[in-house]
PDB file of all heavy atoms in Angstrom:
ATOM      1  N   SER A   1      80.791 -44.476   3.374  1.00  0.00           N
ATOM      2  CA  SER A   1      81.124 -45.290   2.222  1.00  0.00           C
ATOM      3  C   SER A   1      79.851 -45.784   1.515  1.00  0.00           C
ATOM      4  O   SER A   1      79.819 -45.906   0.287  1.00  0.00           O
ATOM      5  CB  SER A   1      81.999 -46.488   2.610  1.00  0.00           C
ATOM      6  OG  SER A   1      81.266 -47.364   3.443  1.00  0.00           O
ATOM      7  N   THR A   2      78.794 -46.081   2.258  1.00  0.00           N
ATOM      8  CA  THR A   2      77.543 -46.529   1.586  1.00  0.00           C
ATOM      9  C   THR A   2      76.891 -45.346   0.881  1.00  0.00           C
ATOM     10  O   THR A   2      76.221 -45.562  -0.116  1.00  0.00           O
ATOM     11  CB  THR A   2      76.566 -47.143   2.611  1.00  0.00           C
ATOM     12  OG1 THR A   2      76.327 -46.209   3.649  1.00  0.00           O
ATOM     13  CG2 THR A   2      77.094 -48.443   3.144  1.00  0.00           C
ATOM     14  N   ALA A   3      77.075 -44.161   1.355  1.00  0.00           N
ATOM     15  CA  ALA A   3      76.489 -43.000   0.683  1.00  0.00           C
ATOM     16  C   ALA A   3      77.156 -42.752  -0.678  1.00  0.00           C
ATOM     17  O   ALA A   3      76.509 -42.297  -1.603  1.00  0.00           O
ATOM     18  CB  ALA A   3      76.629 -41.757   1.553  1.00  0.00           C
ATOM     19  N   VAL A   4      78.435 -43.101  -0.802  1.00  0.00           N
ATOM     20  CA  VAL A   4      79.131 -42.941  -2.065  1.00  0.00           C
ATOM     21  C   VAL A   4      78.537 -43.870  -3.122  1.00  0.00           C
ATOM     22  O   VAL A   4      78.375 -43.511  -4.271  1.00  0.00           O
ATOM     23  CB  VAL A   4      80.642 -43.198  -1.904  1.00  0.00           C
ATOM     24  CG1 VAL A   4      81.342 -43.284  -3.224  1.00  0.00           C
ATOM     25  CG2 VAL A   4      81.253 -42.124  -1.026  1.00  0.00           C
ATOM     26  N   TYR A   5      78.180 -45.102  -2.735  1.00  0.00           N
ATOM     27  CA  TYR A   5      77.668 -46.074  -3.678  1.00  0.00           C
ATOM     28  C   TYR A   5      76.216 -45.781  -4.080  1.00  0.00           C
ATOM     29  O   TYR A   5      75.804 -46.155  -5.153  1.00  0.00           O
ATOM     30  CB  TYR A   5      77.732 -47.487  -3.093  1.00  0.00           C
ATOM     31  CG  TYR A   5      79.153 -47.983  -2.974  1.00  0.00           C
ATOM     32  CD1 TYR A   5      79.729 -48.181  -1.750  1.00  0.00           C
ATOM     33  CD2 TYR A   5      79.885 -48.246  -4.117  1.00  0.00           C
ATOM     34  CE1 TYR A   5      81.046 -48.626  -1.643  1.00  0.00           C
ATOM     35  CE2 TYR A   5      81.193 -48.691  -4.023  1.00  0.00           C
ATOM     36  CZ  TYR A   5      81.764 -48.898  -2.769  1.00  0.00           C
ATOM     37  OH  TYR A   5      83.044 -49.320  -2.686  1.00  0.00           O
ATOM     38  N   ALA A   6      75.470 -45.135  -3.256  1.00  0.00           N
ATOM     39  CA  ALA A   6      74.058 -44.912  -3.533  1.00  0.00           C
ATOM     40  C   ALA A   6      73.746 -43.442  -3.780  1.00  0.00           C
ATOM     41  O   ALA A   6      72.731 -42.938  -3.375  1.00  0.00           O
ATOM     42  CB  ALA A   6      73.208 -45.416  -2.364  1.00  0.00           C
ATOM     43  N   GLN A   7      74.643 -42.748  -4.497  1.00  0.00           N
ATOM     44  CA  GLN A   7      74.405 -41.338  -4.757  1.00  0.00           C
ATOM     45  C   GLN A   7      73.338 -41.175  -5.815  1.00  0.00           C
ATOM     46  O   GLN A   7      73.494 -41.550  -6.968  1.00  0.00           O
ATOM     47  CB  GLN A   7      75.699 -40.684  -5.263  1.00  0.00           C
ATOM     48  CG  GLN A   7      76.718 -40.447  -4.182  1.00  0.00           C
ATOM     49  CD  GLN A   7      77.944 -39.761  -4.727  1.00  0.00           C
ATOM     50  OE1 GLN A   7      78.194 -39.749  -5.909  1.00  0.00           O
ATOM     51  NE2 GLN A   7      78.723 -39.177  -3.834  1.00  0.00           N
ATOM     52  N   GLU A   8      72.232 -40.629  -5.385  1.00  0.00           N
ATOM     53  CA  GLU A   8      71.142 -40.361  -6.325  1.00  0.00           C
ATOM     54  C   GLU A   8      71.409 -39.072  -7.055  1.00  0.00           C
ATOM     55  O   GLU A   8      71.999 -38.134  -6.505  1.00  0.00           O
ATOM     56  CB  GLU A   8      69.808 -40.275  -5.571  1.00  0.00           C
ATOM     57  CG  GLU A   8      69.355 -41.571  -4.988  1.00  0.00           C
ATOM     58  CD  GLU A   8      68.011 -41.466  -4.313  1.00  0.00           C
ATOM     59  OE1 GLU A   8      67.577 -40.323  -3.993  1.00  0.00           O
ATOM     60  OE2 GLU A   8      67.369 -42.505  -4.120  1.00  0.00           O
ATOM     61  N   LYS A   9      70.965 -39.035  -8.306  1.00  0.00           N
ATOM     62  CA  LYS A   9      71.103 -37.812  -9.097  1.00  0.00           C
ATOM     63  C   LYS A   9      69.873 -37.704  -9.994  1.00  0.00           C
ATOM     64  O   LYS A   9      69.188 -38.685 -10.277  1.00  0.00           O
ATOM     65  CB  LYS A   9      72.384 -37.838  -9.929  1.00  0.00           C
ATOM     66  CG  LYS A   9      72.456 -38.968 -10.938  1.00  0.00           C
ATOM     67  CD  LYS A   9      73.774 -38.909 -11.684  1.00  0.00           C
ATOM     68  CE  LYS A   9      73.891 -40.061 -12.676  1.00  0.00           C
ATOM     69  NZ  LYS A   9      75.126 -39.965 -13.424  1.00  0.00           N
ATOM     70  N   THR A  10      69.613 -36.515 -10.446  1.00  0.00           N
ATOM     71  CA  THR A  10      68.500 -36.278 -11.338  1.00  0.00           C
ATOM     72  C   THR A  10      68.979 -36.396 -12.774  1.00  0.00           C
ATOM     73  O   THR A  10      69.922 -35.716 -13.182  1.00  0.00           O
ATOM     74  CB  THR A  10      67.887 -34.888 -11.114  1.00  0.00           C
ATOM     75  OG1 THR A  10      67.447 -34.783  -9.751  1.00  0.00           O
ATOM     76  CG2 THR A  10      66.712 -34.646 -12.031  1.00  0.00           C
ATOM     77  N   VAL A  11      68.370 -37.305 -13.502  1.00  0.00           N
ATOM     78  CA  VAL A  11      68.691 -37.505 -14.915  1.00  0.00           C
ATOM     79  C   VAL A  11      67.567 -36.891 -15.722  1.00  0.00           C
ATOM     80  O   VAL A  11      66.381 -37.157 -15.468  1.00  0.00           O
ATOM     81  CB  VAL A  11      68.834 -39.014 -15.245  1.00  0.00           C
ATOM     82  CG1 VAL A  11      69.108 -39.222 -16.720  1.00  0.00           C
ATOM     83  CG2 VAL A  11      69.932 -39.647 -14.400  1.00  0.00           C
ATOM     84  N   THR A  12      67.925 -36.039 -16.671  1.00  0.00           N
ATOM     85  CA  THR A  12      66.937 -35.410 -17.552  1.00  0.00           C
ATOM     86  C   THR A  12      67.214 -35.826 -18.980  1.00  0.00           C
ATOM     87  O   THR A  12      68.276 -36.385 -19.284  1.00  0.00           O
ATOM     88  CB  THR A  12      66.997 -33.869 -17.446  1.00  0.00           C
ATOM     89  OG1 THR A  12      68.294 -33.446 -17.811  1.00  0.00           O
ATOM     90  CG2 THR A  12      66.665 -33.409 -16.041  1.00  0.00           C
ATOM     91  N   GLY A  13      66.281 -35.537 -19.852  1.00  0.00           N
ATOM     92  CA  GLY A  13      66.499 -35.864 -21.245  1.00  0.00           C
ATOM     93  C   GLY A  13      65.269 -35.633 -22.087  1.00  0.00           C
ATOM     94  O   GLY A  13      64.278 -35.037 -21.630  1.00  0.00           O
ATOM     95  N   ILE A  14      65.353 -36.098 -23.310  1.00  0.00           N
ATOM     96  CA  ILE A  14      64.258 -35.948 -24.273  1.00  0.00           C
ATOM     97  C   ILE A  14      64.126 -37.244 -25.058  1.00  0.00           C
ATOM     98  O   ILE A  14      65.109 -37.932 -25.330  1.00  0.00           O
ATOM     99  CB  ILE A  14      64.480 -34.742 -25.206  1.00  0.00           C
ATOM    100  CG1 ILE A  14      63.253 -34.451 -26.041  1.00  0.00           C
ATOM    101  CG2 ILE A  14      65.707 -34.948 -26.087  1.00  0.00           C
ATOM    102  CD1 ILE A  14      63.273 -33.105 -26.716  1.00  0.00           C
ATOM    103  N   VAL A  15      62.891 -37.601 -25.366  1.00  0.00           N
ATOM    104  CA  VAL A  15      62.588 -38.785 -26.149  1.00  0.00           C
ATOM    105  C   VAL A  15      61.941 -38.350 -27.474  1.00  0.00           C
ATOM    106  O   VAL A  15      61.000 -37.572 -27.461  1.00  0.00           O
ATOM    107  CB  VAL A  15      61.643 -39.731 -25.405  1.00  0.00           C
ATOM    108  CG1 VAL A  15      61.375 -41.000 -26.215  1.00  0.00           C
ATOM    109  CG2 VAL A  15      62.209 -40.098 -24.032  1.00  0.00           C
ATOM    110  N   LYS A  16      62.515 -38.851 -28.599  1.00  0.00           N
ATOM    111  CA  LYS A  16      62.050 -38.469 -29.928  1.00  0.00           C
ATOM    112  C   LYS A  16      61.715 -39.695 -30.757  1.00  0.00           C
ATOM    113  O   LYS A  16      62.190 -40.793 -30.457  1.00  0.00           O
ATOM    114  CB  LYS A  16      63.110 -37.649 -30.655  1.00  0.00           C
ATOM    115  CG  LYS A  16      63.456 -36.332 -30.010  1.00  0.00           C
ATOM    116  CD  LYS A  16      64.506 -35.616 -30.824  1.00  0.00           C
ATOM    117  CE  LYS A  16      64.829 -34.267 -30.193  1.00  0.00           C
ATOM    118  NZ  LYS A  16      65.849 -33.535 -30.996  1.00  0.00           N
ATOM    119  N   ASP A  17      60.937 -39.487 -31.808  1.00  0.00           N
ATOM    120  CA  ASP A  17      60.694 -40.515 -32.796  1.00  0.00           C
ATOM    121  C   ASP A  17      61.911 -40.535 -33.726  1.00  0.00           C
ATOM    122  O   ASP A  17      62.338 -39.495 -34.214  1.00  0.00           O
ATOM    123  CB  ASP A  17      59.433 -40.195 -33.593  1.00  0.00           C
ATOM    124  CG  ASP A  17      59.096 -41.246 -34.612  1.00  0.00           C
ATOM    125  OD1 ASP A  17      59.818 -41.340 -35.649  1.00  0.00           O
ATOM    126  OD2 ASP A  17      58.116 -41.989 -34.419  1.00  0.00           O
ATOM    127  N   LEU A  18      62.477 -41.725 -33.967  1.00  0.00           N
ATOM    128  CA  LEU A  18      63.681 -41.835 -34.780  1.00  0.00           C
ATOM    129  C   LEU A  18      63.457 -41.367 -36.217  1.00  0.00           C
ATOM    130  O   LEU A  18      64.276 -40.678 -36.784  1.00  0.00           O
ATOM    131  CB  LEU A  18      64.200 -43.279 -34.790  1.00  0.00           C
ATOM    132  CG  LEU A  18      65.453 -43.541 -35.594  1.00  0.00           C
ATOM    133  CD1 LEU A  18      66.647 -42.797 -34.999  1.00  0.00           C
ATOM    134  CD2 LEU A  18      65.763 -45.008 -35.671  1.00  0.00           C
ATOM    135  N   LYS A  19      62.316 -41.727 -36.773  1.00  0.00           N
ATOM    136  CA  LYS A  19      62.046 -41.434 -38.188  1.00  0.00           C
ATOM    137  C   LYS A  19      61.757 -39.962 -38.426  1.00  0.00           C
ATOM    138  O   LYS A  19      62.283 -39.336 -39.343  1.00  0.00           O
ATOM    139  CB  LYS A  19      60.889 -42.295 -38.678  1.00  0.00           C
ATOM    140  CG  LYS A  19      60.726 -42.313 -40.171  1.00  0.00           C
ATOM    141  CD  LYS A  19      59.687 -43.343 -40.560  1.00  0.00           C
ATOM    142  CE  LYS A  19      59.617 -43.491 -42.068  1.00  0.00           C
ATOM    143  NZ  LYS A  19      58.642 -44.512 -42.482  1.00  0.00           N
ATOM    144  N   THR A  20      60.910 -39.367 -37.605  1.00  0.00           N
ATOM    145  CA  THR A  20      60.478 -37.985 -37.815  1.00  0.00           C
ATOM    146  C   THR A  20      61.267 -36.965 -37.020  1.00  0.00           C
ATOM    147  O   THR A  20      61.305 -35.801 -37.380  1.00  0.00           O
ATOM    148  CB  THR A  20      58.985 -37.806 -37.453  1.00  0.00           C
ATOM    149  OG1 THR A  20      58.827 -38.039 -36.057  1.00  0.00           O
ATOM    150  CG2 THR A  20      58.123 -38.767 -38.251  1.00  0.00           C
ATOM    151  N   GLY A  21      61.873 -37.388 -35.916  1.00  0.00           N
ATOM    152  CA  GLY A  21      62.585 -36.463 -35.058  1.00  0.00           C
ATOM    153  C   GLY A  21      61.679 -35.676 -34.136  1.00  0.00           C
ATOM    154  O   GLY A  21      62.139 -34.817 -33.380  1.00  0.00           O
ATOM    155  N   ASN A  22      60.387 -35.948 -34.181  1.00  0.00           N
ATOM    156  CA  ASN A  22      59.427 -35.239 -33.322  1.00  0.00           C
ATOM    157  C   ASN A  22      59.507 -35.761 -31.897  1.00  0.00           C
ATOM    158  O   ASN A  22      59.719 -36.949 -31.686  1.00  0.00           O
ATOM    159  CB  ASN A  22      58.000 -35.429 -33.833  1.00  0.00           C
ATOM    160  CG  ASN A  22      57.781 -34.771 -35.186  1.00  0.00           C
ATOM    161  OD1 ASN A  22      58.443 -33.798 -35.527  1.00  0.00           O
ATOM    162  ND2 ASN A  22      56.831 -35.291 -35.954  1.00  0.00           N
ATOM    163  N   PRO A  23      59.311 -34.892 -30.892  1.00  0.00           N
ATOM    164  CA  PRO A  23      59.314 -35.337 -29.498  1.00  0.00           C
ATOM    165  C   PRO A  23      58.089 -36.227 -29.232  1.00  0.00           C
ATOM    166  O   PRO A  23      57.031 -36.055 -29.853  1.00  0.00           O
ATOM    167  CB  PRO A  23      59.235 -34.046 -28.698  1.00  0.00           C
ATOM    168  CG  PRO A  23      58.737 -33.003 -29.646  1.00  0.00           C
ATOM    169  CD  PRO A  23      59.119 -33.443 -31.018  1.00  0.00           C
ATOM    170  N   LEU A  24      58.281 -37.221 -28.349  1.00  0.00           N
ATOM    171  CA  LEU A  24      57.195 -38.162 -28.023  1.00  0.00           C
ATOM    172  C   LEU A  24      56.686 -37.899 -26.609  1.00  0.00           C
ATOM    173  O   LEU A  24      57.401 -38.121 -25.628  1.00  0.00           O
ATOM    174  CB  LEU A  24      57.702 -39.594 -28.117  1.00  0.00           C
ATOM    175  CG  LEU A  24      58.045 -40.091 -29.507  1.00  0.00           C
ATOM    176  CD1 LEU A  24      58.685 -41.470 -29.439  1.00  0.00           C
ATOM    177  CD2 LEU A  24      56.802 -40.121 -30.372  1.00  0.00           C
ATOM    178  N   PRO A  25      55.433 -37.433 -26.458  1.00  0.00           N
ATOM    179  CA  PRO A  25      54.839 -37.291 -25.124  1.00  0.00           C
ATOM    180  C   PRO A  25      54.343 -38.624 -24.603  1.00  0.00           C
ATOM    181  O   PRO A  25      54.146 -39.566 -25.384  1.00  0.00           O
ATOM    182  CB  PRO A  25      53.704 -36.313 -25.355  1.00  0.00           C
ATOM    183  CG  PRO A  25      53.312 -36.511 -26.781  1.00  0.00           C
ATOM    184  CD  PRO A  25      54.592 -36.925 -27.506  1.00  0.00           C
ATOM    185  N   SER A  26      54.130 -38.733 -23.320  1.00  0.00           N
ATOM    186  CA  SER A  26      53.522 -39.893 -22.643  1.00  0.00           C
ATOM    187  C   SER A  26      54.375 -41.166 -22.710  1.00  0.00           C
ATOM    188  O   SER A  26      53.830 -42.261 -22.579  1.00  0.00           O
ATOM    189  CB  SER A  26      52.117 -40.177 -23.190  1.00  0.00           C
ATOM    190  OG  SER A  26      51.315 -39.051 -23.055  1.00  0.00           O
ATOM    191  N   VAL A  27      55.676 -41.044 -22.902  1.00  0.00           N
ATOM    192  CA  VAL A  27      56.554 -42.212 -22.840  1.00  0.00           C
ATOM    193  C   VAL A  27      56.837 -42.500 -21.362  1.00  0.00           C
ATOM    194  O   VAL A  27      57.173 -41.594 -20.595  1.00  0.00           O
ATOM    195  CB  VAL A  27      57.904 -41.953 -23.581  1.00  0.00           C
ATOM    196  CG1 VAL A  27      58.847 -43.121 -23.408  1.00  0.00           C
ATOM    197  CG2 VAL A  27      57.637 -41.671 -25.041  1.00  0.00           C
ATOM    198  N   THR A  28      56.705 -43.751 -20.954  1.00  0.00           N
ATOM    199  CA  THR A  28      56.993 -44.143 -19.575  1.00  0.00           C
ATOM    200  C   THR A  28      58.483 -44.395 -19.424  1.00  0.00           C
ATOM    201  O   THR A  28      59.057 -45.194 -20.169  1.00  0.00           O
ATOM    202  CB  THR A  28      56.224 -45.399 -19.170  1.00  0.00           C
ATOM    203  OG1 THR A  28      54.820 -45.149 -19.357  1.00  0.00           O
ATOM    204  CG2 THR A  28      56.490 -45.794 -17.737  1.00  0.00           C
ATOM    205  N   VAL A  29      59.116 -43.696 -18.472  1.00  0.00           N
ATOM    206  CA  VAL A  29      60.535 -43.885 -18.171  1.00  0.00           C
ATOM    207  C   VAL A  29      60.587 -44.528 -16.792  1.00  0.00           C
ATOM    208  O   VAL A  29      60.114 -43.930 -15.817  1.00  0.00           O
ATOM    209  CB  VAL A  29      61.279 -42.538 -18.174  1.00  0.00           C
ATOM    210  CG1 VAL A  29      62.760 -42.753 -17.927  1.00  0.00           C
ATOM    211  CG2 VAL A  29      61.058 -41.781 -19.473  1.00  0.00           C
ATOM    212  N   SER A  30      61.161 -45.715 -16.681  1.00  0.00           N
ATOM    213  CA  SER A  30      61.215 -46.406 -15.398  1.00  0.00           C
ATOM    214  C   SER A  30      62.566 -47.057 -15.168  1.00  0.00           C
ATOM    215  O   SER A  30      63.266 -47.402 -16.128  1.00  0.00           O
ATOM    216  CB  SER A  30      60.102 -47.471 -15.324  1.00  0.00           C
ATOM    217  OG  SER A  30      60.260 -48.417 -16.349  1.00  0.00           O
TER     218      SER A  30
END
């Protein structure tokens, strides 16, 4: 039951500039 609550998963994605739509490198995700 504790394993069900703490299921880790890999989350992926992309970060962009809202105005230009260009991808943003070096953004810290924490």
